[in-house]
Amino acid sequence: MGAVVIKVIIEHSNDYEKQFIIKCSDVDEEVENIKLLVESYGERLEGRLGDEIVFIKPAEIYYFEYVDYNVFAYTSNNVYKIAHSLDKLEKTYAYESFFRCSKSMIINLNHVEKLKSIMGNKIIATLDNNEEIIISRHFSKMIRAYLKAE
């Protein structure tokens, strides 16, 4: 099996509706992820910052963390309280490179600059804001498998 080739064709139409047609031999996980990515384009997540409701682009989020029965989204500038469980966020944003790294945290792999193995079969992920996140032993196996598949 060779490398996956993705061909992009753009056709002009007088329709006001934008359509994305995916042609493939099989509807596999990769095709489903592309579909979800296109469908969620421009989608924003609702978060609370004090008494304000703020809409956040998922790409701006460095990680989600569960602390004291609450879920928070961390961006470069703020921490937002989120009204979703980590399980729901993990399922919703998995196709956008969000990865469960411990029972209480999901990181955005697009903000990871480097990974370093440490004792206990854990991994330290250094984010592009120089923050370090520990990927637990259980989830380090999954990220290694994910990286090998890439």
C-alpha atoms as a PDB file:
ATOM      1  CA  MET A   1       0.000   0.000   0.000  1.00  0.00           C
ATOM      2  CA  GLY A   2       1.482   3.343  -1.064  1.00  0.00           C
ATOM      3  CA  ALA A   3       1.188   6.815   0.331  1.00  0.00           C
ATOM      4  CA  VAL A   4      -2.271   8.313   0.519  1.00  0.00           C
ATOM      5  CA  VAL A   5      -2.837  10.823  -2.253  1.00  0.00           C
ATOM      6  CA  ILE A   6      -5.411  13.532  -1.700  1.00  0.00           C
ATOM      7  CA  LYS A   7      -6.482  15.473  -4.751  1.00  0.00           C
ATOM      8  CA  VAL A   8      -8.234  18.823  -4.286  1.00  0.00           C
ATOM      9  CA  ILE A   9     -10.404  20.201  -7.099  1.00  0.00           C
ATOM     10  CA  ILE A  10     -12.111  23.586  -6.800  1.00  0.00           C
ATOM     11  CA  GLU A  11     -14.970  24.381  -9.139  1.00  0.00           C
ATOM     12  CA  HIS A  12     -16.676  27.755  -9.356  1.00  0.00           C
ATOM     13  CA  SER A  13     -20.456  27.693  -9.077  1.00  0.00           C
ATOM     14  CA  ASN A  14     -23.151  30.347  -9.080  1.00  0.00           C
ATOM     15  CA  ASP A  15     -24.747  28.582  -6.125  1.00  0.00           C
ATOM     16  CA  TYR A  16     -24.457  30.413  -2.836  1.00  0.00           C
ATOM     17  CA  GLU A  17     -24.099  27.160  -0.961  1.00  0.00           C
ATOM     18  CA  LYS A  18     -20.624  25.705  -0.550  1.00  0.00           C
ATOM     19  CA  GLN A  19     -20.422  21.968  -1.081  1.00  0.00           C
ATOM     20  CA  PHE A  20     -17.625  19.584  -0.318  1.00  0.00           C
ATOM     21  CA  ILE A  21     -17.783  16.247  -2.073  1.00  0.00           C
ATOM     22  CA  ILE A  22     -15.485  13.487  -0.915  1.00  0.00           C
ATOM     23  CA  LYS A  23     -14.901  10.688  -3.404  1.00  0.00           C
ATOM     24  CA  CYS A  24     -13.280   7.576  -1.987  1.00  0.00           C
ATOM     25  CA  SER A  25     -13.250   3.809  -2.325  1.00  0.00           C
ATOM     26  CA  ASP A  26     -13.972   3.280   1.404  1.00  0.00           C
ATOM     27  CA  VAL A  27     -15.420   5.460   4.133  1.00  0.00           C
ATOM     28  CA  ASP A  28     -12.695   4.828   6.679  1.00  0.00           C
ATOM     29  CA  GLU A  29     -11.615   6.715   9.805  1.00  0.00           C
ATOM     30  CA  GLU A  30      -9.498   9.159   7.797  1.00  0.00           C
ATOM     31  CA  VAL A  31     -12.466  10.065   5.557  1.00  0.00           C
ATOM     32  CA  GLU A  32     -14.739  10.443   8.593  1.00  0.00           C
ATOM     33  CA  ASN A  33     -12.172  12.773  10.225  1.00  0.00           C
ATOM     34  CA  ILE A  34     -11.954  14.925   7.081  1.00  0.00           C
ATOM     35  CA  LYS A  35     -15.755  15.103   6.985  1.00  0.00           C
ATOM     36  CA  LEU A  36     -15.916  16.172  10.635  1.00  0.00           C
ATOM     37  CA  LEU A  37     -13.192  18.766  10.084  1.00  0.00           C
ATOM     38  CA  VAL A  38     -15.039  20.339   7.147  1.00  0.00           C
ATOM     39  CA  GLU A  39     -18.378  20.264   8.987  1.00  0.00           C
ATOM     40  CA  SER A  40     -16.908  21.958  12.038  1.00  0.00           C
ATOM     41  CA  TYR A  41     -15.054  24.702  10.147  1.00  0.00           C
ATOM     42  CA  GLY A  42     -15.641  27.986  11.968  1.00  0.00           C
ATOM     43  CA  GLU A  43     -17.179  26.201  14.947  1.00  0.00           C
ATOM     44  CA  ARG A  44     -16.513  27.789  18.292  1.00  0.00           C
ATOM     45  CA  LEU A  45     -16.651  26.464  21.818  1.00  0.00           C
ATOM     46  CA  GLU A  46     -18.557  28.370  24.473  1.00  0.00           C
ATOM     47  CA  GLY A  47     -16.579  29.214  27.597  1.00  0.00           C
ATOM     48  CA  ARG A  48     -17.062  31.395  30.648  1.00  0.00           C
ATOM     49  CA  LEU A  49     -14.587  34.070  31.673  1.00  0.00           C
ATOM     50  CA  GLY A  50     -15.905  35.588  34.878  1.00  0.00           C
ATOM     51  CA  ASP A  51     -19.486  36.603  34.157  1.00  0.00           C
ATOM     52  CA  GLU A  52     -18.982  36.733  30.379  1.00  0.00           C
ATOM     53  CA  ILE A  53     -19.673  34.036  27.825  1.00  0.00           C
ATOM     54  CA  VAL A  54     -16.845  33.870  25.282  1.00  0.00           C
ATOM     55  CA  PHE A  55     -16.663  31.865  22.051  1.00  0.00           C
ATOM     56  CA  ILE A  56     -13.277  30.193  21.525  1.00  0.00           C
ATOM     57  CA  LYS A  57     -11.841  28.646  18.372  1.00  0.00           C
ATOM     58  CA  PRO A  58     -10.687  25.103  19.198  1.00  0.00           C
ATOM     59  CA  ALA A  59      -7.325  25.777  17.497  1.00  0.00           C
ATOM     60  CA  GLU A  60      -6.593  28.470  20.119  1.00  0.00           C
ATOM     61  CA  ILE A  61      -6.912  25.972  22.982  1.00  0.00           C
ATOM     62  CA  TYR A  62      -3.677  24.508  24.354  1.00  0.00           C
ATOM     63  CA  TYR A  63      -5.389  21.988  26.613  1.00  0.00           C
ATOM     64  CA  PHE A  64      -8.501  21.117  28.597  1.00  0.00           C
ATOM     65  CA  GLU A  65      -8.173  20.205  32.269  1.00  0.00           C
ATOM     66  CA  TYR A  66     -10.590  18.772  34.829  1.00  0.00           C
ATOM     67  CA  VAL A  67     -10.077  20.413  38.244  1.00  0.00           C
ATOM     68  CA  ASP A  68     -12.389  20.345  41.283  1.00  0.00           C
ATOM     69  CA  TYR A  69     -15.428  19.074  39.331  1.00  0.00           C
ATOM     70  CA  ASN A  70     -14.978  21.695  36.591  1.00  0.00           C
ATOM     71  CA  VAL A  71     -13.460  21.602  33.099  1.00  0.00           C
ATOM     72  CA  PHE A  72     -11.267  24.479  31.946  1.00  0.00           C
ATOM     73  CA  ALA A  73      -9.858  25.399  28.530  1.00  0.00           C
ATOM     74  CA  TYR A  74      -6.414  27.032  28.559  1.00  0.00           C
ATOM     75  CA  THR A  75      -5.408  29.411  25.777  1.00  0.00           C
ATOM     76  CA  SER A  76      -2.364  31.660  25.444  1.00  0.00           C
ATOM     77  CA  ASN A  77      -4.105  34.482  27.329  1.00  0.00           C
ATOM     78  CA  ASN A  78      -6.942  33.079  29.449  1.00  0.00           C
ATOM     79  CA  VAL A  79      -8.509  30.162  31.254  1.00  0.00           C
ATOM     80  CA  TYR A  80     -12.168  29.521  30.427  1.00  0.00           C
ATOM     81  CA  LYS A  81     -14.662  27.397  32.323  1.00  0.00           C
ATOM     82  CA  ILE A  82     -16.275  24.918  29.924  1.00  0.00           C
ATOM     83  CA  ALA A  83     -19.701  23.316  30.403  1.00  0.00           C
ATOM     84  CA  HIS A  84     -18.740  19.948  28.871  1.00  0.00           C
ATOM     85  CA  SER A  85     -17.165  16.795  30.244  1.00  0.00           C
ATOM     86  CA  LEU A  86     -13.676  15.736  29.171  1.00  0.00           C
ATOM     87  CA  ASP A  87     -15.202  12.646  27.552  1.00  0.00           C
ATOM     88  CA  LYS A  88     -17.475  14.773  25.352  1.00  0.00           C
ATOM     89  CA  LEU A  89     -14.612  17.132  24.447  1.00  0.00           C
ATOM     90  CA  GLU A  90     -12.351  14.188  23.625  1.00  0.00           C
ATOM     91  CA  LYS A  91     -14.910  12.745  21.215  1.00  0.00           C
ATOM     92  CA  THR A  92     -15.851  16.104  19.719  1.00  0.00           C
ATOM     93  CA  TYR A  93     -12.315  17.349  19.029  1.00  0.00           C
ATOM     94  CA  ALA A  94     -10.308  14.164  18.422  1.00  0.00           C
ATOM     95  CA  TYR A  95     -10.224  14.887  14.683  1.00  0.00           C
ATOM     96  CA  GLU A  96      -8.692  18.307  15.405  1.00  0.00           C
ATOM     97  CA  SER A  97      -5.588  16.754  17.005  1.00  0.00           C
ATOM     98  CA  PHE A  98      -6.810  16.862  20.591  1.00  0.00           C
ATOM     99  CA  PHE A  99      -5.416  13.917  22.533  1.00  0.00           C
ATOM    100  CA  ARG A 100      -6.329  12.538  25.963  1.00  0.00           C
ATOM    101  CA  CYS A 101      -3.033  12.560  27.879  1.00  0.00           C
ATOM    102  CA  SER A 102      -4.289  11.683  31.387  1.00  0.00           C
ATOM    103  CA  LYS A 103      -7.544  11.082  33.242  1.00  0.00           C
ATOM    104  CA  SER A 104      -7.849  14.814  33.846  1.00  0.00           C
ATOM    105  CA  MET A 105      -6.362  16.410  30.717  1.00  0.00           C
ATOM    106  CA  ILE A 106      -6.654  16.638  26.920  1.00  0.00           C
ATOM    107  CA  ILE A 107      -3.890  18.407  24.971  1.00  0.00           C
ATOM    108  CA  ASN A 108      -3.928  19.978  21.530  1.00  0.00           C
ATOM    109  CA  LEU A 109      -1.130  18.218  19.638  1.00  0.00           C
ATOM    110  CA  ASN A 110      -0.909  21.186  17.269  1.00  0.00           C
ATOM    111  CA  HIS A 111       0.647  23.185  20.138  1.00  0.00           C
ATOM    112  CA  VAL A 112       3.220  20.508  21.070  1.00  0.00           C
ATOM    113  CA  GLU A 113       6.800  21.443  20.145  1.00  0.00           C
ATOM    114  CA  LYS A 114       8.595  18.425  21.555  1.00  0.00           C
ATOM    115  CA  LEU A 115       8.114  15.163  23.404  1.00  0.00           C
ATOM    116  CA  LYS A 116      10.565  13.592  25.834  1.00  0.00           C
ATOM    117  CA  SER A 117      10.340  10.156  27.463  1.00  0.00           C
ATOM    118  CA  ILE A 118      10.878  10.093  31.222  1.00  0.00           C
ATOM    119  CA  MET A 119      11.067   7.430  33.918  1.00  0.00           C
ATOM    120  CA  GLY A 120       7.980   5.370  34.520  1.00  0.00           C
ATOM    121  CA  ASN A 121       7.181   5.176  30.792  1.00  0.00           C
ATOM    122  CA  LYS A 122       5.709   8.684  30.867  1.00  0.00           C
ATOM    123  CA  ILE A 123       6.261  11.496  28.368  1.00  0.00           C
ATOM    124  CA  ILE A 124       6.750  15.222  28.872  1.00  0.00           C
ATOM    125  CA  ALA A 125       5.094  17.287  26.155  1.00  0.00           C
ATOM    126  CA  THR A 126       6.502  20.807  25.830  1.00  0.00           C
ATOM    127  CA  LEU A 127       3.977  23.196  24.326  1.00  0.00           C
ATOM    128  CA  ASP A 128       4.823  26.173  22.140  1.00  0.00           C
ATOM    129  CA  ASN A 129       4.211  28.447  25.150  1.00  0.00           C
ATOM    130  CA  ASN A 130       6.961  26.476  27.018  1.00  0.00           C
ATOM    131  CA  GLU A 131       4.456  24.862  29.362  1.00  0.00           C
ATOM    132  CA  GLU A 132       5.172  21.211  30.126  1.00  0.00           C
ATOM    133  CA  ILE A 133       2.424  18.592  30.326  1.00  0.00           C
ATOM    134  CA  ILE A 134       2.994  15.057  31.569  1.00  0.00           C
ATOM    135  CA  ILE A 135       1.430  12.316  29.470  1.00  0.00           C
ATOM    136  CA  SER A 136       0.628   9.448  31.827  1.00  0.00           C
ATOM    137  CA  ARG A 137       2.001   5.944  31.345  1.00  0.00           C
ATOM    138  CA  HIS A 138      -1.354   4.599  30.128  1.00  0.00           C
ATOM    139  CA  PHE A 139      -1.825   7.334  27.509  1.00  0.00           C
ATOM    140  CA  SER A 140       1.851   7.427  26.482  1.00  0.00           C
ATOM    141  CA  LYS A 141       1.340   4.040  24.818  1.00  0.00           C
ATOM    142  CA  MET A 142      -1.479   5.519  22.750  1.00  0.00           C
ATOM    143  CA  ILE A 143       0.482   8.578  21.652  1.00  0.00           C
ATOM    144  CA  ARG A 144       3.427   6.400  20.638  1.00  0.00           C
ATOM    145  CA  ALA A 145       1.071   4.274  18.505  1.00  0.00           C
ATOM    146  CA  TYR A 146      -0.490   7.445  17.061  1.00  0.00           C
ATOM    147  CA  LEU A 147       2.924   8.855  16.149  1.00  0.00           C
ATOM    148  CA  LYS A 148       4.026   5.587  14.539  1.00  0.00           C
ATOM    149  CA  ALA A 149       0.845   5.612  12.417  1.00  0.00           C
ATOM    150  CA  GLU A 150       1.591   9.162  11.256  1.00  0.00           C
END
